[in-house]
């Protein structure tokens, strides 16, 4: 996996569980393989609340060398359940992550996650609203139809997507589709990495969202 494209911490939020779980599983598969659930390099936290003791155990495990794969993967389900004391400890780990260590967190209540914690993650949203264009009577397969267009015509759609504030939803749909493909064909790993990178950059208020949209449509 290309380290220059890869980020060490990912946050998947929202209540569209089908898309969120598909992207989550695909990311973990790309790191640890299809049998990741049995890997000694895969560690999950999903208690309520998530205590300081659990974060200390997580930190101790991050110091170990990966036993089977190139990465150690830590999944924190319901990161909004981290206690105040545990959040401070987790923040330190995220700020100075060990090499070859990836943190993945999920939440259905992103506003309940500490802004400081949230800022350390590459954040991808999976909202429940209808696909782009559905409210206007357009087909839910808008992205599929868009990708059938020549590149120059695709790019002409980007300003419209920005104006309607739907570009992020289109990026999420693209990530979902490529993640599903990656579950059966690892050749799509690079596309998923690039889309995750674009998603992360999109959160930056200073980013040129038009260029990011054009880049996303170019790699698809």
C-alpha atoms as a PDB file:
ATOM      1  CA  UNK A   1       0.000   0.000   0.000  1.00  0.00           C
ATOM      2  CA  UNK A   2       1.261   3.449  -0.927  1.00  0.00           C
ATOM      3  CA  UNK A   3       2.284   5.144   2.340  1.00  0.00           C
ATOM      4  CA  UNK A   4       2.212   8.604   0.735  1.00  0.00           C
ATOM      5  CA  UNK A   5      -1.503   8.225   0.020  1.00  0.00           C
ATOM      6  CA  UNK A   6      -2.420   6.470   3.229  1.00  0.00           C
ATOM      7  CA  UNK A   7      -3.594   8.091   6.416  1.00  0.00           C
ATOM      8  CA  UNK A   8      -3.239   6.466   9.842  1.00  0.00           C
ATOM      9  CA  UNK A   9      -6.695   7.251  11.279  1.00  0.00           C
ATOM     10  CA  UNK A  10     -10.160   7.027   9.715  1.00  0.00           C
ATOM     11  CA  UNK A  11     -13.546   8.036  11.105  1.00  0.00           C
ATOM     12  CA  UNK A  12     -16.710   6.676   9.483  1.00  0.00           C
ATOM     13  CA  UNK A  13     -19.862   8.435  10.661  1.00  0.00           C
ATOM     14  CA  UNK A  14     -23.564   8.295   9.845  1.00  0.00           C
ATOM     15  CA  UNK A  15     -26.525   5.941   9.915  1.00  0.00           C
ATOM     16  CA  UNK A  16     -26.310   4.556   6.402  1.00  0.00           C
ATOM     17  CA  UNK A  17     -25.046   1.269   7.801  1.00  0.00           C
ATOM     18  CA  UNK A  18     -24.893  -0.589   4.485  1.00  0.00           C
ATOM     19  CA  UNK A  19     -22.476   1.880   2.916  1.00  0.00           C
ATOM     20  CA  UNK A  20     -20.575   2.513   6.117  1.00  0.00           C
ATOM     21  CA  UNK A  21     -20.033  -1.168   6.897  1.00  0.00           C
ATOM     22  CA  UNK A  22     -19.057  -1.971   3.303  1.00  0.00           C
ATOM     23  CA  UNK A  23     -16.410   0.765   3.275  1.00  0.00           C
ATOM     24  CA  UNK A  24     -15.228  -0.246   6.736  1.00  0.00           C
ATOM     25  CA  UNK A  25     -14.848  -3.919   5.819  1.00  0.00           C
ATOM     26  CA  UNK A  26     -13.126  -3.104   2.538  1.00  0.00           C
ATOM     27  CA  UNK A  27     -10.581  -0.872   4.238  1.00  0.00           C
ATOM     28  CA  UNK A  28      -9.739  -3.547   6.813  1.00  0.00           C
ATOM     29  CA  UNK A  29      -9.560  -6.254   4.127  1.00  0.00           C
ATOM     30  CA  UNK A  30      -7.111  -4.125   2.161  1.00  0.00           C
ATOM     31  CA  UNK A  31      -4.881  -3.988   5.249  1.00  0.00           C
ATOM     32  CA  UNK A  32      -5.197  -7.459   6.753  1.00  0.00           C
ATOM     33  CA  UNK A  33      -6.859  -9.674   4.153  1.00  0.00           C
ATOM     34  CA  UNK A  34     -10.249 -11.362   4.013  1.00  0.00           C
ATOM     35  CA  UNK A  35      -9.680 -13.307   7.239  1.00  0.00           C
ATOM     36  CA  UNK A  36      -8.990 -10.159   9.225  1.00  0.00           C
ATOM     37  CA  UNK A  37     -11.392 -11.138  12.015  1.00  0.00           C
ATOM     38  CA  UNK A  38      -9.026 -13.989  12.910  1.00  0.00           C
ATOM     39  CA  UNK A  39      -5.851 -11.933  12.637  1.00  0.00           C
ATOM     40  CA  UNK A  40      -3.800 -11.292  15.791  1.00  0.00           C
ATOM     41  CA  UNK A  41      -3.096  -7.838  14.307  1.00  0.00           C
ATOM     42  CA  UNK A  42      -6.784  -6.858  14.516  1.00  0.00           C
ATOM     43  CA  UNK A  43      -8.072  -5.395  17.763  1.00  0.00           C
ATOM     44  CA  UNK A  44     -11.599  -4.116  18.485  1.00  0.00           C
ATOM     45  CA  UNK A  45     -13.025  -1.874  21.193  1.00  0.00           C
ATOM     46  CA  UNK A  46     -16.803  -1.575  21.431  1.00  0.00           C
ATOM     47  CA  UNK A  47     -17.692  -1.241  25.100  1.00  0.00           C
ATOM     48  CA  UNK A  48     -19.909   1.415  26.652  1.00  0.00           C
ATOM     49  CA  UNK A  49     -18.301   3.425  28.075  1.00  0.00           C
ATOM     50  CA  UNK A  50     -14.818   3.136  26.583  1.00  0.00           C
ATOM     51  CA  UNK A  51     -12.579   3.531  29.610  1.00  0.00           C
ATOM     52  CA  UNK A  52      -9.033   4.692  30.247  1.00  0.00           C
ATOM     53  CA  UNK A  53      -8.032   1.083  30.958  1.00  0.00           C
ATOM     54  CA  UNK A  54      -9.101   0.009  27.483  1.00  0.00           C
ATOM     55  CA  UNK A  55      -7.189   2.848  25.860  1.00  0.00           C
ATOM     56  CA  UNK A  56      -4.119   1.916  27.903  1.00  0.00           C
ATOM     57  CA  UNK A  57      -4.440  -1.664  26.655  1.00  0.00           C
ATOM     58  CA  UNK A  58      -4.770  -0.307  23.120  1.00  0.00           C
ATOM     59  CA  UNK A  59      -1.619   1.755  23.564  1.00  0.00           C
ATOM     60  CA  UNK A  60       0.313  -1.278  24.810  1.00  0.00           C
ATOM     61  CA  UNK A  61      -0.798  -3.271  21.776  1.00  0.00           C
ATOM     62  CA  UNK A  62       0.283  -0.518  19.390  1.00  0.00           C
ATOM     63  CA  UNK A  63       3.848  -1.018  20.610  1.00  0.00           C
ATOM     64  CA  UNK A  64       3.884  -4.634  19.448  1.00  0.00           C
ATOM     65  CA  UNK A  65       5.151  -5.681  16.035  1.00  0.00           C
ATOM     66  CA  UNK A  66       2.567  -6.918  13.548  1.00  0.00           C
ATOM     67  CA  UNK A  67       2.571 -10.721  13.651  1.00  0.00           C
ATOM     68  CA  UNK A  68       1.082 -11.575  10.256  1.00  0.00           C
ATOM     69  CA  UNK A  69       0.641  -8.570   8.029  1.00  0.00           C
ATOM     70  CA  UNK A  70       2.264  -5.221   7.413  1.00  0.00           C
ATOM     71  CA  UNK A  71      -0.183  -3.359   9.656  1.00  0.00           C
ATOM     72  CA  UNK A  72      -1.839  -3.461  13.051  1.00  0.00           C
ATOM     73  CA  UNK A  73      -5.469  -2.326  12.844  1.00  0.00           C
ATOM     74  CA  UNK A  74      -7.477  -0.974  15.778  1.00  0.00           C
ATOM     75  CA  UNK A  75     -11.245  -0.606  15.361  1.00  0.00           C
ATOM     76  CA  UNK A  76     -13.082   1.617  17.855  1.00  0.00           C
ATOM     77  CA  UNK A  77     -16.837   1.186  17.458  1.00  0.00           C
ATOM     78  CA  UNK A  78     -18.860   4.039  18.913  1.00  0.00           C
ATOM     79  CA  UNK A  79     -15.967   6.405  19.557  1.00  0.00           C
ATOM     80  CA  UNK A  80     -18.408   8.929  21.049  1.00  0.00           C
ATOM     81  CA  UNK A  81     -18.548   6.607  24.087  1.00  0.00           C
ATOM     82  CA  UNK A  82     -14.938   7.375  25.050  1.00  0.00           C
ATOM     83  CA  UNK A  83     -14.780   8.896  28.534  1.00  0.00           C
ATOM     84  CA  UNK A  84     -13.140  12.277  29.068  1.00  0.00           C
ATOM     85  CA  UNK A  85     -10.108  10.684  30.710  1.00  0.00           C
ATOM     86  CA  UNK A  86      -9.812   8.046  27.983  1.00  0.00           C
ATOM     87  CA  UNK A  87     -10.182  10.689  25.254  1.00  0.00           C
ATOM     88  CA  UNK A  88      -7.113  12.553  26.517  1.00  0.00           C
ATOM     89  CA  UNK A  89      -5.066   9.358  26.402  1.00  0.00           C
ATOM     90  CA  UNK A  90      -6.372   8.425  22.951  1.00  0.00           C
ATOM     91  CA  UNK A  91      -5.536  11.889  21.632  1.00  0.00           C
ATOM     92  CA  UNK A  92      -1.886  11.425  22.576  1.00  0.00           C
ATOM     93  CA  UNK A  93      -1.768   8.115  20.730  1.00  0.00           C
ATOM     94  CA  UNK A  94      -3.335   9.634  17.611  1.00  0.00           C
ATOM     95  CA  UNK A  95      -0.924  12.558  17.659  1.00  0.00           C
ATOM     96  CA  UNK A  96       2.129  10.270  17.758  1.00  0.00           C
ATOM     97  CA  UNK A  97       1.003   7.028  16.130  1.00  0.00           C
ATOM     98  CA  UNK A  98       3.422   4.095  15.967  1.00  0.00           C
ATOM     99  CA  UNK A  99       4.501   3.065  12.484  1.00  0.00           C
ATOM    100  CA  UNK A 100       2.387   0.571  10.564  1.00  0.00           C
ATOM    101  CA  UNK A 101      -0.576   1.217  12.861  1.00  0.00           C
ATOM    102  CA  UNK A 102      -4.029   2.182  11.602  1.00  0.00           C
ATOM    103  CA  UNK A 103      -6.929   3.403  13.731  1.00  0.00           C
ATOM    104  CA  UNK A 104     -10.494   3.153  12.466  1.00  0.00           C
ATOM    105  CA  UNK A 105     -13.408   4.606  14.408  1.00  0.00           C
ATOM    106  CA  UNK A 106     -17.156   4.571  13.834  1.00  0.00           C
ATOM    107  CA  UNK A 107     -19.965   6.698  15.196  1.00  0.00           C
ATOM    108  CA  UNK A 108     -23.618   7.432  14.549  1.00  0.00           C
ATOM    109  CA  UNK A 109     -23.396  10.695  16.497  1.00  0.00           C
ATOM    110  CA  UNK A 110     -20.404  12.583  15.122  1.00  0.00           C
ATOM    111  CA  UNK A 111     -21.246  15.753  17.048  1.00  0.00           C
ATOM    112  CA  UNK A 112     -20.832  13.777  20.264  1.00  0.00           C
ATOM    113  CA  UNK A 113     -17.204  13.092  19.362  1.00  0.00           C
ATOM    114  CA  UNK A 114     -14.673  15.520  20.813  1.00  0.00           C
ATOM    115  CA  UNK A 115     -13.631  18.059  18.133  1.00  0.00           C
ATOM    116  CA  UNK A 116      -9.980  17.467  19.063  1.00  0.00           C
ATOM    117  CA  UNK A 117     -10.366  13.722  18.567  1.00  0.00           C
ATOM    118  CA  UNK A 118     -12.348  14.229  15.369  1.00  0.00           C
ATOM    119  CA  UNK A 119      -9.679  16.490  13.911  1.00  0.00           C
ATOM    120  CA  UNK A 120      -7.106  13.680  14.078  1.00  0.00           C
ATOM    121  CA  UNK A 121      -9.120  11.445  11.764  1.00  0.00           C
ATOM    122  CA  UNK A 122      -9.771  11.398   8.056  1.00  0.00           C
ATOM    123  CA  UNK A 123     -13.552  11.740   8.251  1.00  0.00           C
ATOM    124  CA  UNK A 124     -15.990  10.101   5.820  1.00  0.00           C
ATOM    125  CA  UNK A 125     -19.729  10.668   6.270  1.00  0.00           C
ATOM    126  CA  UNK A 126     -22.418   8.143   5.369  1.00  0.00           C
ATOM    127  CA  UNK A 127     -25.685  10.114   5.712  1.00  0.00           C
ATOM    128  CA  UNK A 128     -29.089   8.533   5.385  1.00  0.00           C
ATOM    129  CA  UNK A 129     -30.558  10.963   2.901  1.00  0.00           C
ATOM    130  CA  UNK A 130     -31.543   9.879  -0.584  1.00  0.00           C
ATOM    131  CA  UNK A 131     -28.906   9.662  -3.306  1.00  0.00           C
ATOM    132  CA  UNK A 132     -28.074  12.748  -5.299  1.00  0.00           C
ATOM    133  CA  UNK A 133     -30.907  13.863  -7.547  1.00  0.00           C
ATOM    134  CA  UNK A 134     -33.549  11.621  -5.974  1.00  0.00           C
ATOM    135  CA  UNK A 135     -35.458  14.571  -4.544  1.00  0.00           C
ATOM    136  CA  UNK A 136     -35.638  16.112  -8.009  1.00  0.00           C
ATOM    137  CA  UNK A 137     -36.932  12.977  -9.684  1.00  0.00           C
ATOM    138  CA  UNK A 138     -33.541  12.134 -11.167  1.00  0.00           C
ATOM    139  CA  UNK A 139     -32.426   8.479 -11.140  1.00  0.00           C
ATOM    140  CA  UNK A 140     -30.580   7.215  -8.085  1.00  0.00           C
ATOM    141  CA  UNK A 141     -27.923   5.939 -10.481  1.00  0.00           C
ATOM    142  CA  UNK A 142     -26.765   9.520 -11.143  1.00  0.00           C
ATOM    143  CA  UNK A 143     -23.136   8.669 -10.430  1.00  0.00           C
ATOM    144  CA  UNK A 144     -23.209   5.708 -12.797  1.00  0.00           C
ATOM    145  CA  UNK A 145     -24.636   7.894 -15.571  1.00  0.00           C
ATOM    146  CA  UNK A 146     -22.144  10.643 -14.812  1.00  0.00           C
ATOM    147  CA  UNK A 147     -19.223   8.257 -15.222  1.00  0.00           C
ATOM    148  CA  UNK A 148     -20.437   7.283 -18.683  1.00  0.00           C
ATOM    149  CA  UNK A 149     -19.758  10.822 -19.885  1.00  0.00           C
ATOM    150  CA  UNK A 150     -16.459  11.910 -21.494  1.00  0.00           C
ATOM    151  CA  UNK A 151     -14.080  13.538 -19.020  1.00  0.00           C
ATOM    152  CA  UNK A 152     -14.696  17.102 -20.244  1.00  0.00           C
ATOM    153  CA  UNK A 153     -18.453  16.694 -19.771  1.00  0.00           C
ATOM    154  CA  UNK A 154     -17.982  15.154 -16.328  1.00  0.00           C
ATOM    155  CA  UNK A 155     -15.985  18.183 -15.265  1.00  0.00           C
ATOM    156  CA  UNK A 156     -18.779  20.486 -16.451  1.00  0.00           C
ATOM    157  CA  UNK A 157     -21.023  18.920 -13.795  1.00  0.00           C
ATOM    158  CA  UNK A 158     -18.684  19.755 -10.890  1.00  0.00           C
ATOM    159  CA  UNK A 159     -19.713  23.453 -10.459  1.00  0.00           C
ATOM    160  CA  UNK A 160     -23.354  22.335 -10.405  1.00  0.00           C
ATOM    161  CA  UNK A 161     -22.603  19.748  -7.716  1.00  0.00           C
ATOM    162  CA  UNK A 162     -20.821  22.391  -5.643  1.00  0.00           C
ATOM    163  CA  UNK A 163     -23.683  24.840  -6.053  1.00  0.00           C
ATOM    164  CA  UNK A 164     -26.203  22.233  -4.911  1.00  0.00           C
ATOM    165  CA  UNK A 165     -23.879  21.131  -2.080  1.00  0.00           C
ATOM    166  CA  UNK A 166     -24.033  17.503  -3.245  1.00  0.00           C
ATOM    167  CA  UNK A 167     -20.440  16.850  -4.302  1.00  0.00           C
ATOM    168  CA  UNK A 168     -19.608  15.225  -0.967  1.00  0.00           C
ATOM    169  CA  UNK A 169     -22.543  12.806  -1.365  1.00  0.00           C
ATOM    170  CA  UNK A 170     -21.295  11.885  -4.832  1.00  0.00           C
ATOM    171  CA  UNK A 171     -17.802  11.249  -3.431  1.00  0.00           C
ATOM    172  CA  UNK A 172     -19.291   9.030  -0.717  1.00  0.00           C
ATOM    173  CA  UNK A 173     -21.262   7.060  -3.327  1.00  0.00           C
ATOM    174  CA  UNK A 174     -18.093   6.616  -5.381  1.00  0.00           C
ATOM    175  CA  UNK A 175     -16.201   5.402  -2.319  1.00  0.00           C
ATOM    176  CA  UNK A 176     -18.984   2.920  -1.557  1.00  0.00           C
ATOM    177  CA  UNK A 177     -19.000   1.524  -5.096  1.00  0.00           C
ATOM    178  CA  UNK A 178     -15.225   1.144  -5.275  1.00  0.00           C
ATOM    179  CA  UNK A 179     -15.156  -0.416  -1.796  1.00  0.00           C
ATOM    180  CA  UNK A 180     -17.667  -3.060  -2.895  1.00  0.00           C
ATOM    181  CA  UNK A 181     -15.521  -3.867  -5.931  1.00  0.00           C
ATOM    182  CA  UNK A 182     -12.419  -4.131  -3.745  1.00  0.00           C
ATOM    183  CA  UNK A 183     -14.011  -6.891  -1.673  1.00  0.00           C
ATOM    184  CA  UNK A 184     -13.631  -9.195  -4.682  1.00  0.00           C
ATOM    185  CA  UNK A 185     -10.771  -7.511  -6.534  1.00  0.00           C
ATOM    186  CA  UNK A 186      -7.834  -5.945  -4.683  1.00  0.00           C
ATOM    187  CA  UNK A 187      -6.934  -3.991  -7.833  1.00  0.00           C
ATOM    188  CA  UNK A 188      -9.397  -1.366  -6.610  1.00  0.00           C
ATOM    189  CA  UNK A 189      -7.345  -0.714  -3.468  1.00  0.00           C
ATOM    190  CA  UNK A 190      -5.539   2.263  -5.010  1.00  0.00           C
ATOM    191  CA  UNK A 191      -8.801   3.916  -6.060  1.00  0.00           C
ATOM    192  CA  UNK A 192     -10.220   3.519  -2.562  1.00  0.00           C
ATOM    193  CA  UNK A 193      -7.050   5.009  -1.056  1.00  0.00           C
ATOM    194  CA  UNK A 194      -7.248   7.986  -3.422  1.00  0.00           C
ATOM    195  CA  UNK A 195     -10.940   8.568  -2.709  1.00  0.00           C
ATOM    196  CA  UNK A 196     -10.316   8.427   1.041  1.00  0.00           C
ATOM    197  CA  UNK A 197      -7.559  10.981   0.583  1.00  0.00           C
ATOM    198  CA  UNK A 198      -9.901  13.249  -1.389  1.00  0.00           C
ATOM    199  CA  UNK A 199     -12.570  12.846   1.315  1.00  0.00           C
ATOM    200  CA  UNK A 200     -10.052  13.952   3.919  1.00  0.00           C
ATOM    201  CA  UNK A 201      -8.911  16.970   1.899  1.00  0.00           C
ATOM    202  CA  UNK A 202     -12.538  17.931   1.243  1.00  0.00           C
ATOM    203  CA  UNK A 203     -12.979  18.620   4.964  1.00  0.00           C
ATOM    204  CA  UNK A 204     -10.376  21.401   4.748  1.00  0.00           C
ATOM    205  CA  UNK A 205     -12.262  24.715   4.347  1.00  0.00           C
ATOM    206  CA  UNK A 206      -9.331  26.130   2.361  1.00  0.00           C
ATOM    207  CA  UNK A 207      -9.309  23.268  -0.168  1.00  0.00           C
ATOM    208  CA  UNK A 208     -10.178  23.870  -3.810  1.00  0.00           C
ATOM    209  CA  UNK A 209     -13.278  21.683  -3.906  1.00  0.00           C
ATOM    210  CA  UNK A 210     -13.729  22.133  -7.652  1.00  0.00           C
ATOM    211  CA  UNK A 211     -10.295  20.624  -8.320  1.00  0.00           C
ATOM    212  CA  UNK A 212     -10.940  17.814  -5.827  1.00  0.00           C
ATOM    213  CA  UNK A 213     -14.204  16.978  -7.585  1.00  0.00           C
ATOM    214  CA  UNK A 214     -12.547  16.960 -10.993  1.00  0.00           C
ATOM    215  CA  UNK A 215      -9.723  14.766  -9.680  1.00  0.00           C
ATOM    216  CA  UNK A 216     -12.217  12.281  -8.207  1.00  0.00           C
ATOM    217  CA  UNK A 217     -14.107  12.025 -11.500  1.00  0.00           C
ATOM    218  CA  UNK A 218     -10.842  11.584 -13.372  1.00  0.00           C
ATOM    219  CA  UNK A 219      -9.653   8.573 -11.337  1.00  0.00           C
ATOM    220  CA  UNK A 220     -12.991   6.758 -11.433  1.00  0.00           C
END
